[in-house]
Amino acid sequence: MPDFGVLSTILTWVRRPDDESNADPELELHVGGSVGRQYGENLTWCDVPIRAGDVLTVEVRDDVEADPPQTRRVDEEAGLDDVSRLRLQQKRLEKLLAEVNEELRECGGA
């Protein structure tokens, strides 16, 4: 990581009452972070399912060079002025509203 940014290691366990995770909880390890002006670039080194019994070790070191991330994704809002950012959000919301309206028509609710 450069001098400024975010680095996180997250272990997630999910068990929901109404889907397959009820009988088989989901376990996942995520190692990622973000860098760039206002953290506009999202990085992922690891996003993998794990199982009960797996052993995870986190070692913090500053004497080795990290592997490059597996994925890099730039936030499409990074660097936009307020008006451009709001217009982008408006387009997303209009698309979502069109999808909801279509689902309502298909269900006979509109």
N, C-alpha and C. Protein backbone atom coordinates (compact mmCIF):
# COMPACT_ATOMS: atom_id res chain seq x y z
N MET A 1 0.85 -1.18 0.00
CA MET A 1 0.00 0.00 0.00
C MET A 1 0.89 1.24 0.00
N PRO A 2 0.41 2.28 -0.68
CA PRO A 2 1.16 3.53 -0.62
C PRO A 2 1.01 4.15 0.77
N ASP A 3 1.46 5.37 0.91
CA ASP A 3 1.41 6.03 2.22
C ASP A 3 -0.01 6.21 2.76
N PHE A 4 -1.01 6.39 1.88
CA PHE A 4 -2.38 6.63 2.32
C PHE A 4 -3.32 5.64 1.66
N GLY A 5 -4.28 5.16 2.40
CA GLY A 5 -5.25 4.23 1.86
C GLY A 5 -5.90 3.42 2.96
N VAL A 6 -6.57 2.36 2.55
CA VAL A 6 -7.28 1.48 3.46
C VAL A 6 -6.91 0.05 3.11
N LEU A 7 -6.62 -0.77 4.12
CA LEU A 7 -6.36 -2.19 3.92
C LEU A 7 -7.20 -2.94 4.94
N SER A 8 -7.94 -3.96 4.48
CA SER A 8 -8.79 -4.70 5.41
C SER A 8 -8.73 -6.19 5.14
N THR A 9 -8.87 -6.95 6.21
CA THR A 9 -9.00 -8.39 6.15
C THR A 9 -10.31 -8.71 6.86
N ILE A 10 -11.24 -9.33 6.13
CA ILE A 10 -12.58 -9.54 6.67
C ILE A 10 -12.96 -11.01 6.56
N LEU A 11 -13.36 -11.58 7.67
CA LEU A 11 -13.90 -12.93 7.71
C LEU A 11 -15.40 -12.79 7.91
N THR A 12 -16.18 -13.33 6.98
CA THR A 12 -17.63 -13.18 7.02
C THR A 12 -18.30 -14.54 7.21
N TRP A 13 -19.23 -14.59 8.14
CA TRP A 13 -20.06 -15.77 8.36
C TRP A 13 -21.50 -15.31 8.19
N VAL A 14 -22.29 -16.01 7.33
CA VAL A 14 -23.67 -15.62 7.07
C VAL A 14 -24.56 -16.85 7.17
N ARG A 15 -25.63 -16.70 7.94
CA ARG A 15 -26.66 -17.74 8.02
C ARG A 15 -28.00 -17.02 8.02
N ARG A 16 -28.79 -17.23 6.95
CA ARG A 16 -30.08 -16.59 6.80
C ARG A 16 -31.19 -17.61 7.04
N PRO A 17 -32.37 -17.18 7.50
CA PRO A 17 -33.43 -18.14 7.78
C PRO A 17 -34.13 -18.68 6.53
N ASP A 18 -34.09 -17.94 5.41
CA ASP A 18 -34.95 -18.30 4.28
C ASP A 18 -34.23 -18.73 3.02
N ASP A 19 -33.01 -19.20 3.10
CA ASP A 19 -32.34 -19.72 1.91
C ASP A 19 -31.40 -20.85 2.30
N GLU A 20 -30.59 -21.31 1.34
CA GLU A 20 -29.72 -22.47 1.58
C GLU A 20 -28.69 -22.24 2.67
N SER A 21 -28.42 -20.98 3.01
CA SER A 21 -27.43 -20.72 4.06
C SER A 21 -27.96 -21.12 5.44
N ASN A 22 -29.28 -21.36 5.56
CA ASN A 22 -29.83 -21.79 6.84
C ASN A 22 -29.20 -23.12 7.27
N ALA A 23 -29.10 -24.07 6.33
CA ALA A 23 -28.52 -25.37 6.64
C ALA A 23 -27.00 -25.39 6.47
N ASP A 24 -26.48 -24.50 5.63
CA ASP A 24 -25.05 -24.48 5.33
C ASP A 24 -24.56 -23.03 5.33
N PRO A 25 -24.19 -22.49 6.50
CA PRO A 25 -23.76 -21.08 6.55
C PRO A 25 -22.61 -20.78 5.59
N GLU A 26 -22.61 -19.55 5.10
CA GLU A 26 -21.56 -19.10 4.19
C GLU A 26 -20.39 -18.55 4.98
N LEU A 27 -19.18 -18.96 4.62
CA LEU A 27 -17.95 -18.43 5.21
C LEU A 27 -17.09 -17.91 4.08
N GLU A 28 -16.55 -16.70 4.23
CA GLU A 28 -15.73 -16.11 3.18
C GLU A 28 -14.63 -15.27 3.78
N LEU A 29 -13.47 -15.30 3.14
CA LEU A 29 -12.35 -14.45 3.51
C LEU A 29 -12.14 -13.43 2.41
N HIS A 30 -12.07 -12.17 2.82
CA HIS A 30 -11.82 -11.08 1.87
C HIS A 30 -10.63 -10.27 2.37
N VAL A 31 -9.66 -10.05 1.46
CA VAL A 31 -8.55 -9.15 1.75
C VAL A 31 -8.58 -8.10 0.65
N GLY A 32 -8.74 -6.85 1.04
CA GLY A 32 -8.84 -5.80 0.04
C GLY A 32 -8.52 -4.45 0.65
N GLY A 33 -8.81 -3.43 -0.12
CA GLY A 33 -8.57 -2.08 0.36
C GLY A 33 -8.88 -1.08 -0.72
N SER A 34 -8.47 0.15 -0.48
CA SER A 34 -8.67 1.19 -1.47
C SER A 34 -7.57 2.23 -1.35
N VAL A 35 -7.25 2.83 -2.48
CA VAL A 35 -6.21 3.85 -2.57
C VAL A 35 -6.68 4.93 -3.53
N GLY A 36 -5.88 5.94 -3.66
CA GLY A 36 -6.17 6.99 -4.62
C GLY A 36 -6.85 8.16 -3.97
N ARG A 37 -6.99 9.21 -4.75
CA ARG A 37 -7.62 10.43 -4.22
C ARG A 37 -9.00 10.08 -3.70
N GLN A 38 -9.23 10.34 -2.44
CA GLN A 38 -10.48 10.03 -1.74
C GLN A 38 -10.83 8.55 -1.87
N TYR A 39 -9.78 7.69 -1.90
CA TYR A 39 -9.95 6.23 -1.92
C TYR A 39 -10.83 5.78 -3.09
N GLY A 40 -10.54 6.30 -4.27
CA GLY A 40 -11.35 6.03 -5.45
C GLY A 40 -11.04 4.74 -6.18
N GLU A 41 -9.98 4.04 -5.80
CA GLU A 41 -9.64 2.77 -6.47
C GLU A 41 -9.72 1.64 -5.45
N ASN A 42 -10.59 0.67 -5.75
CA ASN A 42 -10.80 -0.46 -4.86
C ASN A 42 -9.95 -1.65 -5.30
N LEU A 43 -9.25 -2.26 -4.36
CA LEU A 43 -8.33 -3.35 -4.65
C LEU A 43 -8.79 -4.62 -3.94
N THR A 44 -8.59 -5.77 -4.59
CA THR A 44 -8.89 -7.05 -3.95
C THR A 44 -7.74 -8.01 -4.18
N TRP A 45 -7.22 -8.56 -3.10
CA TRP A 45 -6.19 -9.59 -3.19
C TRP A 45 -6.78 -10.98 -3.05
N CYS A 46 -7.85 -11.09 -2.27
CA CYS A 46 -8.38 -12.41 -1.96
C CYS A 46 -9.87 -12.28 -1.67
N ASP A 47 -10.67 -13.12 -2.28
CA ASP A 47 -12.11 -13.19 -2.02
C ASP A 47 -12.49 -14.65 -2.20
N VAL A 48 -12.34 -15.45 -1.15
CA VAL A 48 -12.50 -16.90 -1.30
C VAL A 48 -13.40 -17.49 -0.23
N PRO A 49 -14.15 -18.54 -0.60
CA PRO A 49 -14.92 -19.26 0.41
C PRO A 49 -13.97 -20.07 1.29
N ILE A 50 -14.34 -20.23 2.55
CA ILE A 50 -13.55 -21.06 3.45
C ILE A 50 -14.50 -22.02 4.14
N ARG A 51 -13.94 -23.00 4.84
CA ARG A 51 -14.74 -24.02 5.52
C ARG A 51 -14.34 -24.10 6.99
N ALA A 52 -15.23 -24.66 7.78
CA ALA A 52 -14.91 -24.90 9.18
C ALA A 52 -13.66 -25.77 9.23
N GLY A 53 -12.76 -25.44 10.11
CA GLY A 53 -11.51 -26.17 10.24
C GLY A 53 -10.35 -25.52 9.52
N ASP A 54 -10.63 -24.62 8.57
CA ASP A 54 -9.54 -23.89 7.91
C ASP A 54 -8.82 -23.03 8.94
N VAL A 55 -7.53 -22.91 8.80
CA VAL A 55 -6.73 -22.08 9.70
C VAL A 55 -6.28 -20.85 8.92
N LEU A 56 -6.56 -19.68 9.47
CA LEU A 56 -6.20 -18.42 8.83
C LEU A 56 -5.16 -17.71 9.69
N THR A 57 -4.11 -17.22 9.06
CA THR A 57 -3.07 -16.50 9.77
C THR A 57 -2.87 -15.15 9.10
N VAL A 58 -2.89 -14.10 9.89
CA VAL A 58 -2.62 -12.75 9.39
C VAL A 58 -1.30 -12.31 10.00
N GLU A 59 -0.34 -11.99 9.14
CA GLU A 59 0.96 -11.54 9.60
C GLU A 59 1.21 -10.14 9.05
N VAL A 60 1.45 -9.20 9.92
CA VAL A 60 1.70 -7.82 9.51
C VAL A 60 3.20 -7.62 9.42
N ARG A 61 3.65 -7.25 8.19
CA ARG A 61 5.09 -7.07 7.97
C ARG A 61 5.33 -5.83 7.14
N ASP A 62 6.47 -5.24 7.32
CA ASP A 62 6.82 -4.09 6.49
C ASP A 62 8.15 -4.31 5.76
N ASP A 63 8.66 -5.54 5.80
CA ASP A 63 9.96 -5.81 5.19
C ASP A 63 9.85 -6.60 3.88
N VAL A 64 8.62 -6.77 3.35
CA VAL A 64 8.44 -7.49 2.09
C VAL A 64 7.52 -6.69 1.18
N GLU A 65 7.64 -6.93 -0.09
CA GLU A 65 6.78 -6.29 -1.09
C GLU A 65 5.53 -7.15 -1.27
N ALA A 66 4.37 -6.53 -1.23
CA ALA A 66 3.11 -7.26 -1.38
C ALA A 66 2.91 -7.70 -2.83
N ASP A 67 2.17 -8.80 -3.00
CA ASP A 67 1.76 -9.21 -4.34
C ASP A 67 0.82 -8.15 -4.90
N PRO A 68 0.77 -8.02 -6.22
CA PRO A 68 -0.19 -7.07 -6.79
C PRO A 68 -1.62 -7.59 -6.54
N PRO A 69 -2.60 -6.70 -6.42
CA PRO A 69 -3.97 -7.15 -6.19
C PRO A 69 -4.48 -7.95 -7.39
N GLN A 70 -5.42 -8.86 -7.12
CA GLN A 70 -6.04 -9.64 -8.20
C GLN A 70 -6.94 -8.77 -9.06
N THR A 71 -7.65 -7.84 -8.40
CA THR A 71 -8.53 -6.94 -9.15
C THR A 71 -8.35 -5.51 -8.67
N ARG A 72 -8.59 -4.59 -9.59
CA ARG A 72 -8.58 -3.15 -9.30
C ARG A 72 -9.82 -2.58 -9.96
N ARG A 73 -10.58 -1.81 -9.20
CA ARG A 73 -11.79 -1.20 -9.76
C ARG A 73 -11.83 0.26 -9.33
N VAL A 74 -11.95 1.15 -10.30
CA VAL A 74 -12.00 2.57 -10.02
C VAL A 74 -13.46 2.96 -9.78
N ASP A 75 -13.72 3.66 -8.69
CA ASP A 75 -15.06 4.15 -8.37
C ASP A 75 -15.44 5.19 -9.41
N GLU A 76 -16.56 4.96 -10.08
CA GLU A 76 -16.93 5.87 -11.18
C GLU A 76 -17.28 7.27 -10.69
N GLU A 77 -17.50 7.45 -9.39
CA GLU A 77 -17.78 8.78 -8.85
C GLU A 77 -16.53 9.53 -8.42
N ALA A 78 -15.40 8.85 -8.35
CA ALA A 78 -14.17 9.49 -7.88
C ALA A 78 -13.79 10.64 -8.81
N GLY A 79 -13.53 11.78 -8.24
CA GLY A 79 -13.08 12.93 -9.00
C GLY A 79 -14.18 13.74 -9.66
N LEU A 80 -15.44 13.31 -9.53
CA LEU A 80 -16.53 14.07 -10.14
C LEU A 80 -16.91 15.25 -9.26
N ASP A 81 -17.34 16.34 -9.90
CA ASP A 81 -17.89 17.44 -9.12
C ASP A 81 -19.28 17.04 -8.63
N ASP A 82 -19.86 17.84 -7.75
CA ASP A 82 -21.14 17.49 -7.13
C ASP A 82 -22.26 17.30 -8.15
N VAL A 83 -22.35 18.17 -9.14
CA VAL A 83 -23.41 18.08 -10.14
C VAL A 83 -23.26 16.81 -10.96
N SER A 84 -22.06 16.49 -11.41
CA SER A 84 -21.84 15.28 -12.20
C SER A 84 -22.12 14.03 -11.37
N ARG A 85 -21.72 14.04 -10.10
CA ARG A 85 -21.97 12.90 -9.22
C ARG A 85 -23.47 12.69 -9.03
N LEU A 86 -24.21 13.78 -8.83
CA LEU A 86 -25.66 13.68 -8.63
C LEU A 86 -26.36 13.22 -9.91
N ARG A 87 -25.89 13.66 -11.07
CA ARG A 87 -26.48 13.20 -12.33
C ARG A 87 -26.25 11.71 -12.53
N LEU A 88 -25.07 11.23 -12.17
CA LEU A 88 -24.77 9.81 -12.26
C LEU A 88 -25.70 9.01 -11.33
N GLN A 89 -25.88 9.49 -10.11
CA GLN A 89 -26.79 8.84 -9.17
C GLN A 89 -28.23 8.86 -9.70
N GLN A 90 -28.62 9.96 -10.31
CA GLN A 90 -29.95 10.08 -10.88
C GLN A 90 -30.17 9.02 -11.97
N LYS A 91 -29.20 8.83 -12.84
CA LYS A 91 -29.31 7.81 -13.89
C LYS A 91 -29.46 6.42 -13.29
N ARG A 92 -28.68 6.13 -12.25
CA ARG A 92 -28.78 4.82 -11.59
C ARG A 92 -30.18 4.61 -10.99
N LEU A 93 -30.69 5.66 -10.34
CA LEU A 93 -32.00 5.56 -9.71
C LEU A 93 -33.11 5.42 -10.75
N GLU A 94 -33.00 6.13 -11.87
CA GLU A 94 -33.99 6.00 -12.94
C GLU A 94 -33.99 4.59 -13.51
N LYS A 95 -32.82 3.99 -13.66
CA LYS A 95 -32.72 2.62 -14.16
C LYS A 95 -33.35 1.65 -13.14
N LEU A 96 -33.05 1.84 -11.86
CA LEU A 96 -33.63 0.99 -10.83
C LEU A 96 -35.15 1.13 -10.79
N LEU A 97 -35.66 2.34 -10.90
CA LEU A 97 -37.09 2.56 -10.90
C LEU A 97 -37.76 1.87 -12.09
N ALA A 98 -37.13 1.93 -13.25
CA ALA A 98 -37.67 1.25 -14.44
C ALA A 98 -37.73 -0.26 -14.19
N GLU A 99 -36.70 -0.83 -13.57
CA GLU A 99 -36.70 -2.27 -13.27
C GLU A 99 -37.79 -2.64 -12.27
N VAL A 100 -37.99 -1.81 -11.25
CA VAL A 100 -39.04 -2.06 -10.26
C VAL A 100 -40.41 -1.97 -10.91
N ASN A 101 -40.62 -0.97 -11.74
CA ASN A 101 -41.90 -0.85 -12.44
C ASN A 101 -42.17 -2.05 -13.33
N GLU A 102 -41.15 -2.56 -14.01
CA GLU A 102 -41.30 -3.75 -14.85
C GLU A 102 -41.69 -4.95 -14.00
N GLU A 103 -41.04 -5.15 -12.87
CA GLU A 103 -41.39 -6.26 -11.99
C GLU A 103 -42.81 -6.13 -11.47
N LEU A 104 -43.22 -4.93 -11.13
CA LEU A 104 -44.59 -4.72 -10.68
C LEU A 104 -45.59 -5.09 -11.78
N ARG A 105 -45.30 -4.71 -13.02
CA ARG A 105 -46.19 -5.07 -14.15
C ARG A 105 -46.27 -6.59 -14.29
N GLU A 106 -45.11 -7.25 -14.19
CA GLU A 106 -45.08 -8.70 -14.32
C GLU A 106 -45.86 -9.40 -13.22
N CYS A 107 -45.90 -8.80 -12.03
CA CYS A 107 -46.63 -9.37 -10.89
C CYS A 107 -48.09 -8.94 -10.86
N GLY A 108 -48.49 -8.09 -11.80
CA GLY A 108 -49.86 -7.60 -11.82
C GLY A 108 -50.12 -6.51 -10.79
N GLY A 109 -49.06 -5.90 -10.31
CA GLY A 109 -49.21 -4.87 -9.30
C GLY A 109 -49.22 -3.46 -9.84
N ALA A 110 -49.16 -3.32 -11.16
CA ALA A 110 -49.17 -1.97 -11.72
C ALA A 110 -50.16 -1.87 -12.85
